[in-house]
Amino acid sequence: MARPLTLLLSAADWPKRWLGVSLALTAAAHGDPVRLALSGEALRLFLGGRFDEGAPPGAAEARVGSLAAMLEEGRQALGLRLSACATDVRLAGFDPAEAAARLEVTSLPELWREARAGRLLAL
């Protein structure tokens, strides 16, 4: 069985958000259990409904669509888990109870336990 992947994504810039989403989806498509944990600006953009902001003009030509839609499709079709630490949610200016409607709200120790059991990648 594949070892789980915990991918920590805090990047503010679109290319790194695209890379994080693409890596998470690729791993999930290959059967790896994947948790994409958002923090910092990536979390703020996601919860604020602005996760797709900053796409370069060539994104459409390269057939790269909405990152938020890609995440949702990955959750539905591949079992990708999208989460954030409750403290990160508060630091981003959101209520963890309200954020729980859009992603799993967890704790940093829980994320660390999962990462120790598998692999960890941070962007």
PDB file of N, CA and C in Angstrom:
ATOM      1  N   MET A   1       0.844  -1.194   0.000  1.00  0.00           N
ATOM      2  CA  MET A   1       0.000   0.000   0.000  1.00  0.00           C
ATOM      3  C   MET A   1       0.882   1.248   0.000  1.00  0.00           C
ATOM      4  N   ALA A   2       0.471   2.265  -0.714  1.00  0.00           N
ATOM      5  CA  ALA A   2       1.232   3.504  -0.827  1.00  0.00           C
ATOM      6  C   ALA A   2       1.248   4.247   0.506  1.00  0.00           C
ATOM      7  N   ARG A   3       2.375   4.877   0.775  1.00  0.00           N
ATOM      8  CA  ARG A   3       2.470   5.692   1.991  1.00  0.00           C
ATOM      9  C   ARG A   3       1.734   7.004   1.767  1.00  0.00           C
ATOM     10  N   PRO A   4       1.031   7.492   2.793  1.00  0.00           N
ATOM     11  CA  PRO A   4       0.290   8.743   2.633  1.00  0.00           C
ATOM     12  C   PRO A   4       1.218   9.931   2.391  1.00  0.00           C
ATOM     13  N   LEU A   5       0.704  10.900   1.660  1.00  0.00           N
ATOM     14  CA  LEU A   5       1.421  12.139   1.399  1.00  0.00           C
ATOM     15  C   LEU A   5       0.670  13.278   2.073  1.00  0.00           C
ATOM     16  N   THR A   6       1.386  14.044   2.870  1.00  0.00           N
ATOM     17  CA  THR A   6       0.857  15.286   3.430  1.00  0.00           C
ATOM     18  C   THR A   6       1.598  16.406   2.722  1.00  0.00           C
ATOM     19  N   LEU A   7       0.863  17.237   2.023  1.00  0.00           N
ATOM     20  CA  LEU A   7       1.453  18.347   1.286  1.00  0.00           C
ATOM     21  C   LEU A   7       0.997  19.641   1.950  1.00  0.00           C
ATOM     22  N   LEU A   8       1.961  20.405   2.480  1.00  0.00           N
ATOM     23  CA  LEU A   8       1.671  21.684   3.118  1.00  0.00           C
ATOM     24  C   LEU A   8       1.835  22.787   2.087  1.00  0.00           C
ATOM     25  N   LEU A   9       0.772  23.519   1.839  1.00  0.00           N
ATOM     26  CA  LEU A   9       0.793  24.557   0.804  1.00  0.00           C
ATOM     27  C   LEU A   9       0.457  25.903   1.427  1.00  0.00           C
ATOM     28  N   SER A  10       1.456  26.788   1.457  1.00  0.00           N
ATOM     29  CA  SER A  10       1.229  28.124   2.007  1.00  0.00           C
ATOM     30  C   SER A  10       1.546  29.213   0.986  1.00  0.00           C
ATOM     31  N   ALA A  11       2.008  28.830  -0.176  1.00  0.00           N
ATOM     32  CA  ALA A  11       2.491  29.774  -1.188  1.00  0.00           C
ATOM     33  C   ALA A  11       1.431  30.784  -1.601  1.00  0.00           C
ATOM     34  N   ALA A  12       1.881  32.020  -1.728  1.00  0.00           N
ATOM     35  CA  ALA A  12       0.983  33.089  -2.150  1.00  0.00           C
ATOM     36  C   ALA A  12       0.877  33.165  -3.667  1.00  0.00           C
ATOM     37  N   ASP A  13       1.932  32.797  -4.377  1.00  0.00           N
ATOM     38  CA  ASP A  13       1.921  32.997  -5.825  1.00  0.00           C
ATOM     39  C   ASP A  13       1.262  31.831  -6.556  1.00  0.00           C
ATOM     40  N   TRP A  14       0.581  32.164  -7.643  1.00  0.00           N
ATOM     41  CA  TRP A  14      -0.189  31.186  -8.401  1.00  0.00           C
ATOM     42  C   TRP A  14       0.652  30.003  -8.891  1.00  0.00           C
ATOM     43  N   PRO A  15       1.859  30.217  -9.435  1.00  0.00           N
ATOM     44  CA  PRO A  15       2.628  29.057  -9.920  1.00  0.00           C
ATOM     45  C   PRO A  15       2.887  28.010  -8.827  1.00  0.00           C
ATOM     46  N   LYS A  16       3.162  28.434  -7.624  1.00  0.00           N
ATOM     47  CA  LYS A  16       3.386  27.458  -6.545  1.00  0.00           C
ATOM     48  C   LYS A  16       2.072  26.809  -6.111  1.00  0.00           C
ATOM     49  N   ARG A  17       0.975  27.571  -6.119  1.00  0.00           N
ATOM     50  CA  ARG A  17      -0.327  26.957  -5.807  1.00  0.00           C
ATOM     51  C   ARG A  17      -0.664  25.919  -6.876  1.00  0.00           C
ATOM     52  N   TRP A  18      -0.415  26.248  -8.160  1.00  0.00           N
ATOM     53  CA  TRP A  18      -0.663  25.291  -9.236  1.00  0.00           C
ATOM     54  C   TRP A  18       0.192  24.042  -9.044  1.00  0.00           C
ATOM     55  N   LEU A  19       1.464  24.218  -8.697  1.00  0.00           N
ATOM     56  CA  LEU A  19       2.350  23.079  -8.506  1.00  0.00           C
ATOM     57  C   LEU A  19       1.851  22.202  -7.358  1.00  0.00           C
ATOM     58  N   GLY A  20       1.463  22.825  -6.244  1.00  0.00           N
ATOM     59  CA  GLY A  20       0.968  22.063  -5.105  1.00  0.00           C
ATOM     60  C   GLY A  20      -0.284  21.268  -5.444  1.00  0.00           C
ATOM     61  N   VAL A  21      -1.221  21.912  -6.098  1.00  0.00           N
ATOM     62  CA  VAL A  21      -2.465  21.241  -6.496  1.00  0.00           C
ATOM     63  C   VAL A  21      -2.152  20.122  -7.487  1.00  0.00           C
ATOM     64  N   SER A  22      -1.293  20.404  -8.465  1.00  0.00           N
ATOM     65  CA  SER A  22      -0.956  19.400  -9.474  1.00  0.00           C
ATOM     66  C   SER A  22      -0.254  18.187  -8.859  1.00  0.00           C
ATOM     67  N   LEU A  23       0.685  18.420  -7.957  1.00  0.00           N
ATOM     68  CA  LEU A  23       1.373  17.306  -7.298  1.00  0.00           C
ATOM     69  C   LEU A  23       0.404  16.480  -6.460  1.00  0.00           C
ATOM     70  N   ALA A  24      -0.464  17.156  -5.729  1.00  0.00           N
ATOM     71  CA  ALA A  24      -1.438  16.448  -4.890  1.00  0.00           C
ATOM     72  C   ALA A  24      -2.362  15.593  -5.746  1.00  0.00           C
ATOM     73  N   LEU A  25      -2.854  16.150  -6.839  1.00  0.00           N
ATOM     74  CA  LEU A  25      -3.761  15.404  -7.710  1.00  0.00           C
ATOM     75  C   LEU A  25      -3.051  14.247  -8.412  1.00  0.00           C
ATOM     76  N   THR A  26      -1.816  14.467  -8.813  1.00  0.00           N
ATOM     77  CA  THR A  26      -1.061  13.402  -9.470  1.00  0.00           C
ATOM     78  C   THR A  26      -0.835  12.235  -8.517  1.00  0.00           C
ATOM     79  N   ALA A  27      -0.426  12.536  -7.287  1.00  0.00           N
ATOM     80  CA  ALA A  27      -0.213  11.476  -6.296  1.00  0.00           C
ATOM     81  C   ALA A  27      -1.517  10.732  -6.022  1.00  0.00           C
ATOM     82  N   ALA A  28      -2.611  11.470  -5.869  1.00  0.00           N
ATOM     83  CA  ALA A  28      -3.911  10.842  -5.605  1.00  0.00           C
ATOM     84  C   ALA A  28      -4.349   9.983  -6.791  1.00  0.00           C
ATOM     85  N   ALA A  29      -4.100  10.462  -8.006  1.00  0.00           N
ATOM     86  CA  ALA A  29      -4.476   9.699  -9.201  1.00  0.00           C
ATOM     87  C   ALA A  29      -3.687   8.396  -9.312  1.00  0.00           C
ATOM     88  N   HIS A  30      -2.511   8.363  -8.705  1.00  0.00           N
ATOM     89  CA  HIS A  30      -1.698   7.147  -8.701  1.00  0.00           C
ATOM     90  C   HIS A  30      -1.987   6.268  -7.485  1.00  0.00           C
ATOM     91  N   GLY A  31      -3.043   6.594  -6.759  1.00  0.00           N
ATOM     92  CA  GLY A  31      -3.480   5.748  -5.664  1.00  0.00           C
ATOM     93  C   GLY A  31      -2.913   6.069  -4.295  1.00  0.00           C
ATOM     94  N   ASP A  32      -2.131   7.130  -4.181  1.00  0.00           N
ATOM     95  CA  ASP A  32      -1.595   7.503  -2.874  1.00  0.00           C
ATOM     96  C   ASP A  32      -2.650   8.257  -2.072  1.00  0.00           C
ATOM     97  N   PRO A  33      -2.772   7.958  -0.781  1.00  0.00           N
ATOM     98  CA  PRO A  33      -3.638   8.780   0.069  1.00  0.00           C
ATOM     99  C   PRO A  33      -2.985  10.164   0.221  1.00  0.00           C
ATOM    100  N   VAL A  34      -3.719  11.224  -0.078  1.00  0.00           N
ATOM    101  CA  VAL A  34      -3.145  12.574  -0.071  1.00  0.00           C
ATOM    102  C   VAL A  34      -3.985  13.513   0.774  1.00  0.00           C
ATOM    103  N   ARG A  35      -3.278  14.267   1.620  1.00  0.00           N
ATOM    104  CA  ARG A  35      -3.900  15.377   2.341  1.00  0.00           C
ATOM    105  C   ARG A  35      -3.166  16.642   1.917  1.00  0.00           C
ATOM    106  N   LEU A  36      -3.907  17.597   1.391  1.00  0.00           N
ATOM    107  CA  LEU A  36      -3.366  18.903   1.041  1.00  0.00           C
ATOM    108  C   LEU A  36      -3.778  19.859   2.146  1.00  0.00           C
ATOM    109  N   ALA A  37      -2.806  20.310   2.920  1.00  0.00           N
ATOM    110  CA  ALA A  37      -3.072  21.198   4.048  1.00  0.00           C
ATOM    111  C   ALA A  37      -2.696  22.621   3.656  1.00  0.00           C
ATOM    112  N   LEU A  38      -3.674  23.493   3.629  1.00  0.00           N
ATOM    113  CA  LEU A  38      -3.456  24.886   3.269  1.00  0.00           C
ATOM    114  C   LEU A  38      -3.113  25.704   4.504  1.00  0.00           C
ATOM    115  N   SER A  39      -2.245  26.696   4.315  1.00  0.00           N
ATOM    116  CA  SER A  39      -1.933  27.635   5.390  1.00  0.00           C
ATOM    117  C   SER A  39      -1.554  28.972   4.781  1.00  0.00           C
ATOM    118  N   GLY A  40      -1.378  29.955   5.620  1.00  0.00           N
ATOM    119  CA  GLY A  40      -0.930  31.273   5.173  1.00  0.00           C
ATOM    120  C   GLY A  40      -1.793  31.856   4.072  1.00  0.00           C
ATOM    121  N   GLU A  41      -1.117  32.445   3.087  1.00  0.00           N
ATOM    122  CA  GLU A  41      -1.828  33.129   2.007  1.00  0.00           C
ATOM    123  C   GLU A  41      -2.644  32.171   1.141  1.00  0.00           C
ATOM    124  N   ALA A  42      -2.154  30.952   0.942  1.00  0.00           N
ATOM    125  CA  ALA A  42      -2.924  29.981   0.153  1.00  0.00           C
ATOM    126  C   ALA A  42      -4.270  29.708   0.825  1.00  0.00           C
ATOM    127  N   LEU A  43      -4.262  29.573   2.134  1.00  0.00           N
ATOM    128  CA  LEU A  43      -5.501  29.348   2.888  1.00  0.00           C
ATOM    129  C   LEU A  43      -6.406  30.572   2.809  1.00  0.00           C
ATOM    130  N   ARG A  44      -5.831  31.754   2.990  1.00  0.00           N
ATOM    131  CA  ARG A  44      -6.614  32.993   2.937  1.00  0.00           C
ATOM    132  C   ARG A  44      -7.286  33.142   1.569  1.00  0.00           C
ATOM    133  N   LEU A  45      -6.545  32.860   0.516  1.00  0.00           N
ATOM    134  CA  LEU A  45      -7.114  32.959  -0.831  1.00  0.00           C
ATOM    135  C   LEU A  45      -8.211  31.923  -1.047  1.00  0.00           C
ATOM    136  N   PHE A  46      -7.987  30.688  -0.578  1.00  0.00           N
ATOM    137  CA  PHE A  46      -8.985  29.641  -0.755  1.00  0.00           C
ATOM    138  C   PHE A  46     -10.275  29.979  -0.020  1.00  0.00           C
ATOM    139  N   LEU A  47     -10.161  30.303   1.263  1.00  0.00           N
ATOM    140  CA  LEU A  47     -11.373  30.598   2.044  1.00  0.00           C
ATOM    141  C   LEU A  47     -12.050  31.884   1.583  1.00  0.00           C
ATOM    142  N   GLY A  48     -11.277  32.789   1.001  1.00  0.00           N
ATOM    143  CA  GLY A  48     -11.838  34.038   0.481  1.00  0.00           C
ATOM    144  C   GLY A  48     -12.402  33.912  -0.926  1.00  0.00           C
ATOM    145  N   GLY A  49     -12.373  32.691  -1.491  1.00  0.00           N
ATOM    146  CA  GLY A  49     -12.909  32.484  -2.830  1.00  0.00           C
ATOM    147  C   GLY A  49     -12.044  33.061  -3.934  1.00  0.00           C
ATOM    148  N   ARG A  50     -10.732  33.232  -3.653  1.00  0.00           N
ATOM    149  CA  ARG A  50      -9.835  33.859  -4.626  1.00  0.00           C
ATOM    150  C   ARG A  50      -8.639  32.964  -4.956  1.00  0.00           C
ATOM    151  N   PHE A  51      -8.801  31.659  -4.822  1.00  0.00           N
ATOM    152  CA  PHE A  51      -7.688  30.725  -5.003  1.00  0.00           C
ATOM    153  C   PHE A  51      -7.148  30.727  -6.428  1.00  0.00           C
ATOM    154  N   ASP A  52      -7.950  31.137  -7.390  1.00  0.00           N
ATOM    155  CA  ASP A  52      -7.531  31.145  -8.794  1.00  0.00           C
ATOM    156  C   ASP A  52      -6.855  32.447  -9.210  1.00  0.00           C
ATOM    157  N   GLU A  53      -6.825  33.435  -8.333  1.00  0.00           N
ATOM    158  CA  GLU A  53      -6.233  34.732  -8.676  1.00  0.00           C
ATOM    159  C   GLU A  53      -4.753  34.599  -9.008  1.00  0.00           C
ATOM    160  N   GLY A  54      -4.327  35.373  -9.979  1.00  0.00           N
ATOM    161  CA  GLY A  54      -2.912  35.434 -10.319  1.00  0.00           C
ATOM    162  C   GLY A  54      -2.496  34.488 -11.429  1.00  0.00           C
ATOM    163  N   ALA A  55      -3.460  33.787 -12.027  1.00  0.00           N
ATOM    164  CA  ALA A  55      -3.110  32.874 -13.123  1.00  0.00           C
ATOM    165  C   ALA A  55      -2.484  33.667 -14.268  1.00  0.00           C
ATOM    166  N   PRO A  56      -1.402  33.156 -14.813  1.00  0.00           N
ATOM    167  CA  PRO A  56      -0.770  33.880 -15.921  1.00  0.00           C
ATOM    168  C   PRO A  56      -1.635  33.822 -17.172  1.00  0.00           C
ATOM    169  N   PRO A  57      -1.428  34.758 -18.092  1.00  0.00           N
ATOM    170  CA  PRO A  57      -2.231  34.770 -19.322  1.00  0.00           C
ATOM    171  C   PRO A  57      -2.160  33.448 -20.092  1.00  0.00           C
ATOM    172  N   GLY A  58      -1.052  32.758 -20.020  1.00  0.00           N
ATOM    173  CA  GLY A  58      -0.894  31.521 -20.770  1.00  0.00           C
ATOM    174  C   GLY A  58      -1.547  30.306 -20.132  1.00  0.00           C
ATOM    175  N   ALA A  59      -2.150  30.455 -18.957  1.00  0.00           N
ATOM    176  CA  ALA A  59      -2.751  29.298 -18.270  1.00  0.00           C
ATOM    177  C   ALA A  59      -3.869  28.672 -19.108  1.00  0.00           C
ATOM    178  N   ALA A  60      -4.727  29.492 -19.663  1.00  0.00           N
ATOM    179  CA  ALA A  60      -5.826  28.957 -20.474  1.00  0.00           C
ATOM    180  C   ALA A  60      -5.285  28.259 -21.718  1.00  0.00           C
ATOM    181  N   GLU A  61      -4.289  28.856 -22.345  1.00  0.00           N
ATOM    182  CA  GLU A  61      -3.688  28.256 -23.533  1.00  0.00           C
ATOM    183  C   GLU A  61      -3.027  26.917 -23.195  1.00  0.00           C
ATOM    184  N   ALA A  62      -2.482  26.807 -21.979  1.00  0.00           N
ATOM    185  CA  ALA A  62      -1.852  25.553 -21.538  1.00  0.00           C
ATOM    186  C   ALA A  62      -2.894  24.565 -21.005  1.00  0.00           C
ATOM    187  N   ARG A  63      -4.150  24.948 -21.112  1.00  0.00           N
ATOM    188  CA  ARG A  63      -5.275  24.121 -20.669  1.00  0.00           C
ATOM    189  C   ARG A  63      -5.283  23.884 -19.165  1.00  0.00           C
ATOM    190  N   VAL A  64      -4.862  24.910 -18.427  1.00  0.00           N
ATOM    191  CA  VAL A  64      -4.931  24.870 -16.970  1.00  0.00           C
ATOM    192  C   VAL A  64      -6.164  25.664 -16.567  1.00  0.00           C
ATOM    193  N   GLY A  65      -7.110  24.974 -15.965  1.00  0.00           N
ATOM    194  CA  GLY A  65      -8.340  25.625 -15.550  1.00  0.00           C
ATOM    195  C   GLY A  65      -8.259  26.132 -14.129  1.00  0.00           C
ATOM    196  N   SER A  66      -9.394  26.222 -13.509  1.00  0.00           N
ATOM    197  CA  SER A  66      -9.522  26.719 -12.151  1.00  0.00           C
ATOM    198  C   SER A  66      -8.870  25.762 -11.150  1.00  0.00           C
ATOM    199  N   LEU A  67      -7.967  26.292 -10.336  1.00  0.00           N
ATOM    200  CA  LEU A  67      -7.337  25.475  -9.298  1.00  0.00           C
ATOM    201  C   LEU A  67      -8.369  25.013  -8.276  1.00  0.00           C
ATOM    202  N   ALA A  68      -9.289  25.889  -7.931  1.00  0.00           N
ATOM    203  CA  ALA A  68     -10.333  25.521  -6.961  1.00  0.00           C
ATOM    204  C   ALA A  68     -11.195  24.385  -7.508  1.00  0.00           C
ATOM    205  N   ALA A  69     -11.530  24.449  -8.787  1.00  0.00           N
ATOM    206  CA  ALA A  69     -12.330  23.381  -9.402  1.00  0.00           C
ATOM    207  C   ALA A  69     -11.529  22.080  -9.467  1.00  0.00           C
ATOM    208  N   MET A  70     -10.232  22.177  -9.729  1.00  0.00           N
ATOM    209  CA  MET A  70      -9.379  20.990  -9.757  1.00  0.00           C
ATOM    210  C   MET A  70      -9.362  20.324  -8.379  1.00  0.00           C
ATOM    211  N   LEU A  71      -9.270  21.147  -7.337  1.00  0.00           N
ATOM    212  CA  LEU A  71      -9.288  20.596  -5.974  1.00  0.00           C
ATOM    213  C   LEU A  71     -10.603  19.887  -5.684  1.00  0.00           C
ATOM    214  N   GLU A  72     -11.687  20.499  -6.050  1.00  0.00           N
ATOM    215  CA  GLU A  72     -13.000  19.893  -5.790  1.00  0.00           C
ATOM    216  C   GLU A  72     -13.152  18.582  -6.547  1.00  0.00           C
ATOM    217  N   GLU A  73     -12.715  18.563  -7.790  1.00  0.00           N
ATOM    218  CA  GLU A  73     -12.776  17.330  -8.577  1.00  0.00           C
ATOM    219  C   GLU A  73     -11.903  16.245  -7.934  1.00  0.00           C
ATOM    220  N   GLY A  74     -10.730  16.635  -7.462  1.00  0.00           N
ATOM    221  CA  GLY A  74      -9.840  15.690  -6.792  1.00  0.00           C
ATOM    222  C   GLY A  74     -10.432  15.141  -5.511  1.00  0.00           C
ATOM    223  N   ARG A  75     -11.154  15.976  -4.807  1.00  0.00           N
ATOM    224  CA  ARG A  75     -11.823  15.511  -3.584  1.00  0.00           C
ATOM    225  C   ARG A  75     -12.897  14.490  -3.927  1.00  0.00           C
ATOM    226  N   GLN A  76     -13.687  14.801  -4.948  1.00  0.00           N
ATOM    227  CA  GLN A  76     -14.806  13.936  -5.323  1.00  0.00           C
ATOM    228  C   GLN A  76     -14.339  12.635  -5.980  1.00  0.00           C
ATOM    229  N   ALA A  77     -13.427  12.745  -6.928  1.00  0.00           N
ATOM    230  CA  ALA A  77     -13.056  11.587  -7.735  1.00  0.00           C
ATOM    231  C   ALA A  77     -11.882  10.777  -7.189  1.00  0.00           C
ATOM    232  N   LEU A  78     -10.995  11.438  -6.437  1.00  0.00           N
ATOM    233  CA  LEU A  78      -9.755  10.773  -6.033  1.00  0.00           C
ATOM    234  C   LEU A  78      -9.591  10.627  -4.522  1.00  0.00           C
ATOM    235  N   GLY A  79     -10.516  11.181  -3.763  1.00  0.00           N
ATOM    236  CA  GLY A  79     -10.414  11.082  -2.313  1.00  0.00           C
ATOM    237  C   GLY A  79      -9.384  12.014  -1.697  1.00  0.00           C
ATOM    238  N   LEU A  80      -8.963  13.020  -2.435  1.00  0.00           N
ATOM    239  CA  LEU A  80      -8.035  14.018  -1.908  1.00  0.00           C
ATOM    240  C   LEU A  80      -8.654  14.682  -0.678  1.00  0.00           C
ATOM    241  N   ARG A  81      -7.885  14.780   0.383  1.00  0.00           N
ATOM    242  CA  ARG A  81      -8.360  15.452   1.593  1.00  0.00           C
ATOM    243  C   ARG A  81      -7.777  16.860   1.627  1.00  0.00           C
ATOM    244  N   LEU A  82      -8.621  17.846   1.796  1.00  0.00           N
ATOM    245  CA  LEU A  82      -8.218  19.241   1.864  1.00  0.00           C
ATOM    246  C   LEU A  82      -8.449  19.709   3.288  1.00  0.00           C
ATOM    247  N   SER A  83      -7.414  20.277   3.905  1.00  0.00           N
ATOM    248  CA  SER A  83      -7.553  20.640   5.306  1.00  0.00           C
ATOM    249  C   SER A  83      -6.724  21.863   5.655  1.00  0.00           C
ATOM    250  N   ALA A  84      -6.904  22.298   6.894  1.00  0.00           N
ATOM    251  CA  ALA A  84      -6.105  23.387   7.463  1.00  0.00           C
ATOM    252  C   ALA A  84      -6.116  23.240   8.976  1.00  0.00           C
ATOM    253  N   CYS A  85      -5.050  23.687   9.581  1.00  0.00           N
ATOM    254  CA  CYS A  85      -4.951  23.729  11.032  1.00  0.00           C
ATOM    255  C   CYS A  85      -5.884  24.829  11.551  1.00  0.00           C
ATOM    256  N   ALA A  86      -6.575  24.560  12.640  1.00  0.00           N
ATOM    257  CA  ALA A  86      -7.521  25.536  13.202  1.00  0.00           C
ATOM    258  C   ALA A  86      -6.838  26.865  13.517  1.00  0.00           C
ATOM    259  N   THR A  87      -5.620  26.810  14.008  1.00  0.00           N
ATOM    260  CA  THR A  87      -4.897  28.051  14.317  1.00  0.00           C
ATOM    261  C   THR A  87      -4.612  28.823  13.046  1.00  0.00           C
ATOM    262  N   ASP A  88      -4.215  28.137  11.975  1.00  0.00           N
ATOM    263  CA  ASP A  88      -3.994  28.802  10.691  1.00  0.00           C
ATOM    264  C   ASP A  88      -5.268  29.461  10.181  1.00  0.00           C
ATOM    265  N   VAL A  89      -6.390  28.789  10.366  1.00  0.00           N
ATOM    266  CA  VAL A  89      -7.671  29.360   9.934  1.00  0.00           C
ATOM    267  C   VAL A  89      -7.928  30.669  10.677  1.00  0.00           C
ATOM    268  N   ARG A  90      -7.697  30.669  11.989  1.00  0.00           N
ATOM    269  CA  ARG A  90      -7.887  31.896  12.777  1.00  0.00           C
ATOM    270  C   ARG A  90      -6.914  32.989  12.336  1.00  0.00           C
ATOM    271  N   LEU A  91      -5.650  32.615  12.123  1.00  0.00           N
ATOM    272  CA  LEU A  91      -4.648  33.596  11.690  1.00  0.00           C
ATOM    273  C   LEU A  91      -4.989  34.188  10.327  1.00  0.00           C
ATOM    274  N   ALA A  92      -5.669  33.422   9.499  1.00  0.00           N
ATOM    275  CA  ALA A  92      -6.087  33.913   8.180  1.00  0.00           C
ATOM    276  C   ALA A  92      -7.319  34.811   8.275  1.00  0.00           C
ATOM    277  N   GLY A  93      -7.888  34.911   9.482  1.00  0.00           N
ATOM    278  CA  GLY A  93      -9.028  35.806   9.682  1.00  0.00           C
ATOM    279  C   GLY A  93     -10.385  35.156   9.510  1.00  0.00           C
ATOM    280  N   PHE A  94     -10.458  33.828   9.625  1.00  0.00           N
ATOM    281  CA  PHE A  94     -11.710  33.109   9.429  1.00  0.00           C
ATOM    282  C   PHE A  94     -12.065  32.309  10.679  1.00  0.00           C
ATOM    283  N   ASP A  95     -13.326  32.005  10.806  1.00  0.00           N
ATOM    284  CA  ASP A  95     -13.838  31.198  11.915  1.00  0.00           C
ATOM    285  C   ASP A  95     -13.701  29.721  11.545  1.00  0.00           C
ATOM    286  N   PRO A  96     -13.025  28.929  12.388  1.00  0.00           N
ATOM    287  CA  PRO A  96     -12.860  27.506  12.070  1.00  0.00           C
ATOM    288  C   PRO A  96     -14.183  26.767  11.840  1.00  0.00           C
ATOM    289  N   ALA A  97     -15.225  27.119  12.588  1.00  0.00           N
ATOM    290  CA  ALA A  97     -16.512  26.447  12.405  1.00  0.00           C
ATOM    291  C   ALA A  97     -17.083  26.732  11.021  1.00  0.00           C
ATOM    292  N   GLU A  98     -16.933  27.945  10.534  1.00  0.00           N
ATOM    293  CA  GLU A  98     -17.416  28.289   9.197  1.00  0.00           C
ATOM    294  C   GLU A  98     -16.514  27.682   8.119  1.00  0.00           C
ATOM    295  N   ALA A  99     -15.209  27.661   8.362  1.00  0.00           N
ATOM    296  CA  ALA A  99     -14.264  27.093   7.394  1.00  0.00           C
ATOM    297  C   ALA A  99     -14.495  25.597   7.220  1.00  0.00           C
ATOM    298  N   ALA A 100     -15.014  24.939   8.245  1.00  0.00           N
ATOM    299  CA  ALA A 100     -15.247  23.491   8.191  1.00  0.00           C
ATOM    300  C   ALA A 100     -16.241  23.103   7.100  1.00  0.00           C
ATOM    301  N   ALA A 101     -17.008  24.048   6.587  1.00  0.00           N
ATOM    302  CA  ALA A 101     -17.921  23.759   5.479  1.00  0.00           C
ATOM    303  C   ALA A 101     -17.157  23.604   4.159  1.00  0.00           C
ATOM    304  N   ARG A 102     -15.924  24.118   4.098  1.00  0.00           N
ATOM    305  CA  ARG A 102     -15.150  24.101   2.847  1.00  0.00           C
ATOM    306  C   ARG A 102     -13.962  23.152   2.875  1.00  0.00           C
ATOM    307  N   LEU A 103     -13.481  22.829   4.084  1.00  0.00           N
ATOM    308  CA  LEU A 103     -12.336  21.932   4.230  1.00  0.00           C
ATOM    309  C   LEU A 103     -12.330  21.327   5.629  1.00  0.00           C
ATOM    310  N   GLU A 104     -11.482  20.317   5.833  1.00  0.00           N
ATOM    311  CA  GLU A 104     -11.340  19.708   7.148  1.00  0.00           C
ATOM    312  C   GLU A 104     -10.511  20.639   8.026  1.00  0.00           C
ATOM    313  N   VAL A 105     -11.026  20.967   9.190  1.00  0.00           N
ATOM    314  CA  VAL A 105     -10.266  21.770  10.135  1.00  0.00           C
ATOM    315  C   VAL A 105      -9.694  20.807  11.168  1.00  0.00           C
ATOM    316  N   THR A 106      -8.380  20.821  11.288  1.00  0.00           N
ATOM    317  CA  THR A 106      -7.686  19.864  12.137  1.00  0.00           C
ATOM    318  C   THR A 106      -6.682  20.595  13.016  1.00  0.00           C
ATOM    319  N   SER A 107      -5.739  19.862  13.564  1.00  0.00           N
ATOM    320  CA  SER A 107      -4.710  20.459  14.406  1.00  0.00           C
ATOM    321  C   SER A 107      -3.335  20.203  13.794  1.00  0.00           C
ATOM    322  N   LEU A 108      -2.383  21.017  14.161  1.00  0.00           N
ATOM    323  CA  LEU A 108      -1.026  20.809  13.689  1.00  0.00           C
ATOM    324  C   LEU A 108      -0.464  19.471  14.175  1.00  0.00           C
ATOM    325  N   PRO A 109      -0.708  19.062  15.430  1.00  0.00           N
ATOM    326  CA  PRO A 109      -0.224  17.733  15.832  1.00  0.00           C
ATOM    327  C   PRO A 109      -0.800  16.600  14.971  1.00  0.00           C
ATOM    328  N   GLU A 110      -2.055  16.714  14.566  1.00  0.00           N
ATOM    329  CA  GLU A 110      -2.651  15.691  13.709  1.00  0.00           C
ATOM    330  C   GLU A 110      -1.965  15.666  12.344  1.00  0.00           C
ATOM    331  N   LEU A 111      -1.699  16.829  11.787  1.00  0.00           N
ATOM    332  CA  LEU A 111      -0.987  16.892  10.511  1.00  0.00           C
ATOM    333  C   LEU A 111       0.406  16.278  10.648  1.00  0.00           C
ATOM    334  N   TRP A 112       1.069  16.551  11.749  1.00  0.00           N
ATOM    335  CA  TRP A 112       2.405  16.010  11.967  1.00  0.00           C
ATOM    336  C   TRP A 112       2.375  14.490  12.104  1.00  0.00           C
ATOM    337  N   ARG A 113       1.398  13.956  12.826  1.00  0.00           N
ATOM    338  CA  ARG A 113       1.278  12.499  12.970  1.00  0.00           C
ATOM    339  C   ARG A 113       1.107  11.834  11.603  1.00  0.00           C
ATOM    340  N   GLU A 114       0.274  12.410  10.763  1.00  0.00           N
ATOM    341  CA  GLU A 114       0.090  11.858   9.428  1.00  0.00           C
ATOM    342  C   GLU A 114       1.356  11.944   8.594  1.00  0.00           C
ATOM    343  N   ALA A 115       2.039  13.075   8.707  1.00  0.00           N
ATOM    344  CA  ALA A 115       3.271  13.254   7.945  1.00  0.00           C
ATOM    345  C   ALA A 115       4.339  12.254   8.395  1.00  0.00           C
ATOM    346  N   ARG A 116       4.418  11.989   9.673  1.00  0.00           N
ATOM    347  CA  ARG A 116       5.393  11.011  10.196  1.00  0.00           C
ATOM    348  C   ARG A 116       5.107   9.602   9.693  1.00  0.00           C
ATOM    349  N   ALA A 117       3.842   9.316   9.444  1.00  0.00           N
ATOM    350  CA  ALA A 117       3.456   7.975   8.977  1.00  0.00           C
ATOM    351  C   ALA A 117       3.699   7.797   7.481  1.00  0.00           C
ATOM    352  N   GLY A 118       3.963   8.881   6.799  1.00  0.00           N
ATOM    353  CA  GLY A 118       4.152   8.792   5.347  1.00  0.00           C
ATOM    354  C   GLY A 118       5.233   9.728   4.858  1.00  0.00           C
ATOM    355  N   ARG A 119       4.816  10.647   4.011  1.00  0.00           N
ATOM    356  CA  ARG A 119       5.747  11.599   3.405  1.00  0.00           C
ATOM    357  C   ARG A 119       5.217  12.999   3.584  1.00  0.00           C
ATOM    358  N   LEU A 120       6.127  13.955   3.659  1.00  0.00           N
ATOM    359  CA  LEU A 120       5.764  15.364   3.839  1.00  0.00           C
ATOM    360  C   LEU A 120       6.450  16.195   2.760  1.00  0.00           C
ATOM    361  N   LEU A 121       5.672  17.088   2.154  1.00  0.00           N
ATOM    362  CA  LEU A 121       6.204  18.026   1.157  1.00  0.00           C
ATOM    363  C   LEU A 121       5.621  19.382   1.485  1.00  0.00           C
ATOM    364  N   ALA A 122       6.458  20.407   1.481  1.00  0.00           N
ATOM    365  CA  ALA A 122       5.988  21.768   1.797  1.00  0.00           C
ATOM    366  C   ALA A 122       6.323  22.710   0.649  1.00  0.00           C
ATOM    367  N   LEU A 123       5.342  23.523   0.267  1.00  0.00           N
ATOM    368  CA  LEU A 123       5.520  24.542  -0.768  1.00  0.00           C
ATOM    369  C   LEU A 123       5.024  25.877  -0.242  1.00  0.00           C
TER     370      LEU A 123
END
